[in-house]
N, C-alpha and C. Protein backbone atom coordinates (compact mmCIF):
# COMPACT_ATOMS: atom_id res chain seq x y z
N MET A 1 0.60 -1.34 0.06
CA MET A 1 0.23 -0.45 0.22
C MET A 1 0.60 1.21 0.06
N LEU A 2 2.13 1.21 0.42
CA LEU A 2 3.28 2.13 0.49
C LEU A 2 3.45 2.50 -0.36
N ILE A 3 3.65 1.74 -1.55
CA ILE A 3 3.91 1.64 -2.37
C ILE A 3 3.13 2.98 -4.20
N ARG A 4 1.57 2.47 -3.61
CA ARG A 4 0.62 2.62 -4.40
C ARG A 4 1.10 4.84 -3.83
N ALA A 5 1.06 5.62 -2.92
CA ALA A 5 2.05 6.32 -1.76
C ALA A 5 2.55 6.89 -2.64
N LEU A 6 3.75 6.47 -2.79
CA LEU A 6 5.09 6.80 -3.26
C LEU A 6 4.87 7.40 -5.07
N THR A 7 4.09 7.16 -5.79
CA THR A 7 4.33 7.63 -7.23
C THR A 7 3.40 8.61 -7.58
N PRO A 8 2.10 8.67 -6.41
CA PRO A 8 1.95 10.54 -6.57
C PRO A 8 3.08 11.42 -6.27
N THR A 9 3.28 11.08 -5.37
CA THR A 9 4.86 11.83 -4.38
C THR A 9 5.81 12.22 -5.49
N LEU A 10 6.47 11.15 -6.03
CA LEU A 10 7.37 11.43 -6.84
C LEU A 10 6.97 11.75 -7.50
N GLN A 11 6.05 11.16 -8.20
CA GLN A 11 6.25 12.39 -9.34
C GLN A 11 5.08 14.12 -9.14
N ALA A 12 4.98 14.42 -7.94
CA ALA A 12 5.18 15.30 -7.16
C ALA A 12 6.09 16.27 -6.95
N PHE A 13 7.22 15.65 -6.79
CA PHE A 13 8.93 15.88 -6.88
C PHE A 13 9.29 16.03 -8.28
N TYR A 14 9.13 15.45 -9.39
CA TYR A 14 9.58 15.64 -10.45
C TYR A 14 9.33 16.84 -11.34
N GLY A 15 7.74 17.05 -10.91
CA GLY A 15 6.95 18.01 -11.23
C GLY A 15 7.24 19.65 -10.82
N GLY A 16 6.71 19.40 -9.54
CA GLY A 16 7.89 20.66 -8.53
C GLY A 16 9.08 21.19 -8.79
N LEU A 17 9.59 20.19 -9.38
CA LEU A 17 11.58 20.82 -9.68
C LEU A 17 10.97 21.18 -11.21
N ARG A 18 10.27 20.86 -11.41
CA ARG A 18 9.63 21.93 -13.18
C ARG A 18 10.28 22.78 -13.42
N TYR A 19 8.63 23.15 -12.45
CA TYR A 19 8.07 24.06 -12.41
C TYR A 19 8.67 25.57 -11.37
N GLY A 20 9.61 24.40 -10.53
CA GLY A 20 10.49 25.18 -9.24
C GLY A 20 11.58 25.67 -10.16
N LEU A 21 12.25 25.35 -11.18
CA LEU A 21 14.06 25.67 -11.12
C LEU A 21 13.47 26.70 -12.65
N TYR A 22 12.32 26.19 -13.25
CA TYR A 22 12.17 27.60 -15.13
C TYR A 22 11.81 28.63 -14.53
N ALA A 23 11.21 29.02 -13.88
CA ALA A 23 12.03 30.22 -13.65
C ALA A 23 12.76 31.04 -13.34
N PRO A 24 13.75 30.85 -12.35
CA PRO A 24 15.12 30.94 -12.09
C PRO A 24 16.04 30.53 -13.16
N LEU A 25 15.98 29.87 -13.58
CA LEU A 25 16.34 29.97 -15.01
C LEU A 25 15.93 30.78 -16.35
N ARG A 26 15.29 30.46 -16.15
CA ARG A 26 14.93 31.83 -17.82
C ARG A 26 15.36 33.48 -17.15
N ASN A 27 15.24 33.26 -15.26
CA ASN A 27 15.93 34.78 -15.01
C ASN A 27 17.82 34.38 -15.65
N MET A 28 18.00 33.39 -15.63
CA MET A 28 19.50 33.04 -15.26
C MET A 28 19.74 33.34 -17.12
N MET A 29 19.21 32.99 -17.44
CA MET A 29 19.40 33.80 -19.38
C MET A 29 19.07 34.80 -19.16
N GLY A 30 18.40 36.07 -18.58
CA GLY A 30 18.90 37.85 -19.33
C GLY A 30 17.63 37.83 -18.93
N VAL A 31 17.15 36.98 -18.93
CA VAL A 31 15.17 37.60 -18.66
C VAL A 31 14.97 38.35 -17.55
N ASP A 32 14.14 39.71 -16.92
CA ASP A 32 14.14 40.72 -16.26
C ASP A 32 12.90 39.82 -15.43
N ALA A 33 12.81 39.43 -14.24
CA ALA A 33 11.28 39.36 -13.51
C ALA A 33 10.26 40.03 -13.54
N ASP A 34 10.40 40.34 -14.25
CA ASP A 34 8.92 41.90 -14.06
C ASP A 34 8.78 41.97 -15.49
N THR A 35 9.17 41.00 -17.02
CA THR A 35 9.12 40.64 -18.46
C THR A 35 7.58 40.02 -17.94
N PRO A 36 7.03 40.42 -19.09
CA PRO A 36 5.70 40.31 -19.28
C PRO A 36 5.94 38.43 -19.84
N LYS A 37 4.64 38.01 -19.61
CA LYS A 37 5.20 35.95 -20.82
C LYS A 37 5.02 36.40 -21.97
N SER A 38 4.31 37.60 -22.99
CA SER A 38 4.01 37.88 -24.37
C SER A 38 5.55 38.30 -24.69
N GLN A 39 5.78 39.08 -23.76
CA GLN A 39 7.52 40.07 -24.51
C GLN A 39 8.81 38.72 -24.53
N ILE A 40 9.25 37.70 -23.93
CA ILE A 40 10.03 36.93 -23.92
C ILE A 40 10.37 35.90 -24.83
N PRO A 41 10.93 36.01 -25.43
CA PRO A 41 11.71 35.42 -26.56
C PRO A 41 11.44 33.94 -26.62
N LEU A 42 10.89 33.28 -27.53
CA LEU A 42 10.67 31.68 -27.53
C LEU A 42 11.70 31.08 -27.90
N HIS A 43 12.89 31.05 -27.91
CA HIS A 43 14.17 30.27 -27.77
C HIS A 43 14.64 30.45 -26.31
N ILE A 44 13.97 31.29 -25.28
CA ILE A 44 15.20 31.60 -24.32
C ILE A 44 14.02 30.45 -23.31
N LYS A 45 12.50 30.61 -23.29
CA LYS A 45 11.58 29.96 -22.59
C LYS A 45 11.92 28.18 -23.30
N PHE A 46 11.95 28.20 -24.56
CA PHE A 46 12.24 27.06 -24.34
C PHE A 46 13.55 25.58 -24.03
N ALA A 47 14.79 27.58 -24.04
CA ALA A 47 15.80 26.44 -23.68
C ALA A 47 15.65 26.22 -22.02
N ALA A 48 14.92 26.82 -21.44
CA ALA A 48 14.31 26.96 -19.75
C ALA A 48 14.33 25.80 -19.56
N GLY A 49 13.13 25.61 -20.22
CA GLY A 49 11.55 25.14 -20.42
C GLY A 49 12.62 23.76 -20.06
N GLY A 50 13.77 23.19 -21.07
CA GLY A 50 13.85 21.59 -21.77
C GLY A 50 15.61 21.53 -19.51
N THR A 51 15.91 22.66 -19.67
CA THR A 51 16.32 22.70 -19.14
C THR A 51 16.82 22.46 -18.09
N ALA A 52 15.16 22.98 -17.20
CA ALA A 52 14.56 22.19 -15.96
C ALA A 52 14.01 21.04 -16.20
N GLY A 53 13.47 20.57 -18.00
CA GLY A 53 13.31 19.03 -17.44
C GLY A 53 13.92 18.08 -16.85
N ALA A 54 15.41 18.44 -18.37
CA ALA A 54 16.25 18.10 -17.57
C ALA A 54 16.69 17.88 -15.96
N LEU A 55 17.60 18.90 -15.76
CA LEU A 55 17.69 18.82 -14.45
C LEU A 55 16.79 18.20 -13.69
N ALA A 56 15.21 18.20 -13.14
CA ALA A 56 14.40 17.49 -13.39
C ALA A 56 14.77 15.66 -13.04
N ALA A 57 14.90 15.82 -14.79
CA ALA A 57 15.25 14.45 -14.65
C ALA A 57 15.90 13.08 -13.33
N PHE A 58 17.48 14.20 -14.00
CA PHE A 58 18.33 13.42 -13.48
C PHE A 58 18.34 13.58 -12.42
N LEU A 59 17.05 14.18 -11.56
CA LEU A 59 17.41 14.84 -9.76
C LEU A 59 16.29 13.50 -9.23
N ALA A 60 14.85 12.89 -10.53
CA ALA A 60 14.38 11.80 -9.97
C ALA A 60 14.25 10.60 -10.67
N THR A 61 14.83 10.51 -11.54
CA THR A 61 15.40 9.26 -11.72
C THR A 61 16.10 7.97 -10.57
N PRO A 62 16.55 8.93 -9.91
CA PRO A 62 17.15 7.37 -8.83
C PRO A 62 16.15 6.94 -8.02
N THR A 63 15.24 8.44 -7.60
CA THR A 63 14.45 8.01 -6.46
C THR A 63 12.63 7.18 -7.10
N ASP A 64 13.05 7.24 -8.55
CA ASP A 64 12.14 6.56 -9.75
C ASP A 64 12.57 4.89 -8.94
N LEU A 65 14.24 5.27 -9.30
CA LEU A 65 14.48 3.73 -9.08
C LEU A 65 13.95 3.18 -7.78
N MET A 66 14.25 3.67 -6.86
CA MET A 66 13.65 2.93 -5.65
C MET A 66 12.56 2.55 -5.05
N LYS A 67 11.88 3.44 -6.09
CA LYS A 67 10.35 3.16 -5.72
C LYS A 67 10.46 1.70 -6.48
N VAL A 68 10.62 1.45 -7.57
CA VAL A 68 10.59 0.37 -7.59
C VAL A 68 11.08 -0.72 -7.03
N LYS A 69 12.30 -0.78 -6.62
CA LYS A 69 12.65 -1.66 -6.30
C LYS A 69 12.02 -1.70 -3.86
N ALA A 70 11.46 -0.97 -4.71
CA ALA A 70 10.86 -1.33 -3.15
C ALA A 70 9.22 -1.87 -2.90
N ALA A 71 9.11 -1.56 -4.26
CA ALA A 71 7.33 -2.57 -4.66
C ALA A 71 8.24 -4.66 -3.74
N GLN A 72 10.03 -4.77 -3.91
CA GLN A 72 10.56 -5.96 -3.76
C GLN A 72 10.87 -6.26 -2.07
N GLY A 73 10.68 -4.77 -1.78
CA GLY A 73 10.97 -5.29 -0.43
C GLY A 73 11.82 -3.92 0.10
N ALA A 74 12.02 -3.88 1.39
CA ALA A 74 12.69 -1.92 1.82
C ALA A 74 14.28 -2.60 1.69
N LEU A 75 14.62 -4.07 2.49
CA LEU A 75 16.11 -4.76 2.19
C LEU A 75 16.27 -4.32 1.06
N ALA A 76 15.35 -4.81 0.15
CA ALA A 76 15.94 -4.51 -1.54
C ALA A 76 16.31 -2.95 -1.96
N VAL A 77 15.45 -2.34 -1.61
CA VAL A 77 16.41 -1.18 -2.04
C VAL A 77 17.58 -0.66 -1.32
N VAL A 78 17.45 -0.94 -0.34
CA VAL A 78 18.82 -0.43 0.45
C VAL A 78 20.51 -0.91 -0.34
N ALA A 79 19.58 -2.38 -0.64
CA ALA A 79 20.81 -3.35 -1.12
C ALA A 79 21.18 -3.29 -2.88
N VAL A 80 19.76 -2.88 -3.08
CA VAL A 80 20.23 -1.96 -4.95
C VAL A 80 20.50 -1.32 -5.28
N VAL A 81 20.55 0.03 -4.28
CA VAL A 81 21.31 1.45 -4.26
C VAL A 81 22.35 1.07 -3.82
N MET A 82 23.08 0.46 -2.68
CA MET A 82 24.88 0.32 -2.36
C MET A 82 25.47 -0.72 -3.38
N VAL A 83 25.10 -1.45 -3.31
CA VAL A 83 25.47 -1.96 -4.76
C VAL A 83 26.02 -1.82 -5.86
N VAL A 84 24.72 -0.73 -6.61
CA VAL A 84 24.45 -0.25 -7.59
C VAL A 84 25.80 1.47 -7.54
N VAL A 85 25.09 1.87 -6.77
CA VAL A 85 26.06 3.53 -6.36
C VAL A 85 27.19 3.05 -6.14
N VAL A 86 27.69 2.20 -4.89
CA VAL A 86 28.60 2.74 -4.37
C VAL A 86 30.31 1.57 -4.75
N VAL A 87 29.56 0.53 -4.69
CA VAL A 87 29.80 -0.69 -5.13
C VAL A 87 31.07 -0.89 -6.15
N LEU A 88 29.52 -0.69 -6.82
CA LEU A 88 30.39 -0.95 -8.66
C LEU A 88 30.36 0.24 -9.06
N ASN A 89 30.12 1.57 -8.83
CA ASN A 89 30.22 3.08 -9.21
C ASN A 89 30.07 3.20 -10.17
N VAL A 90 28.72 2.71 -10.17
CA VAL A 90 28.09 3.05 -12.19
C VAL A 90 27.02 3.78 -11.36
N PRO A 91 27.13 5.24 -12.79
CA PRO A 91 26.28 5.88 -12.45
C PRO A 91 24.65 5.31 -12.77
N VAL A 92 24.41 6.00 -12.04
CA VAL A 92 22.27 6.09 -11.78
C VAL A 92 22.17 7.61 -12.25
N GLY A 93 20.43 7.60 -13.21
CA GLY A 93 20.81 8.93 -13.83
C GLY A 93 19.76 8.68 -15.10
N PRO A 94 19.90 9.97 -16.03
CA PRO A 94 19.33 9.70 -17.47
C PRO A 94 19.79 9.30 -18.54
N LEU A 95 21.19 9.78 -17.90
CA LEU A 95 22.02 10.43 -18.96
C LEU A 95 22.70 9.24 -19.24
N PRO A 96 22.97 8.05 -18.51
CA PRO A 96 22.87 6.55 -19.26
C PRO A 96 22.66 5.72 -19.55
N GLN A 97 21.42 6.30 -18.66
CA GLN A 97 19.93 5.21 -19.87
C GLN A 97 19.67 6.08 -21.39
N THR A 98 20.02 7.43 -21.12
CA THR A 98 20.06 7.33 -22.38
C THR A 98 20.74 7.26 -23.72
N CYS A 99 22.43 7.39 -23.19
CA CYS A 99 23.32 6.79 -23.96
C CYS A 99 23.45 5.49 -23.78
N SER A 100 23.20 4.32 -23.56
CA SER A 100 22.85 3.19 -23.86
C SER A 100 22.17 2.46 -24.98
N LEU A 101 20.99 3.89 -25.37
CA LEU A 101 19.61 3.26 -26.37
C LEU A 101 21.20 2.99 -27.72
């Protein structure tokens, strides 16, 4: 039953990161915070949105892996994370998954 509660929680984590990172990244790209949305160039919106989505995916993917492994048991989560990240020194996240395609 805990697994059912984790799915919306992790989606909120991912979505919150995406939306929360967008405005600061857009402002770092040279847009004033008071600029109306209609005056922000499309390429800035696209770059800020893509960067925010990529960072959110990079941070949320390991938590999704833990959710999947938690379905097998609580000790399995700790064991898999320790073996994959610490012992084998294998990077976990979207970049290794994307590069393996």
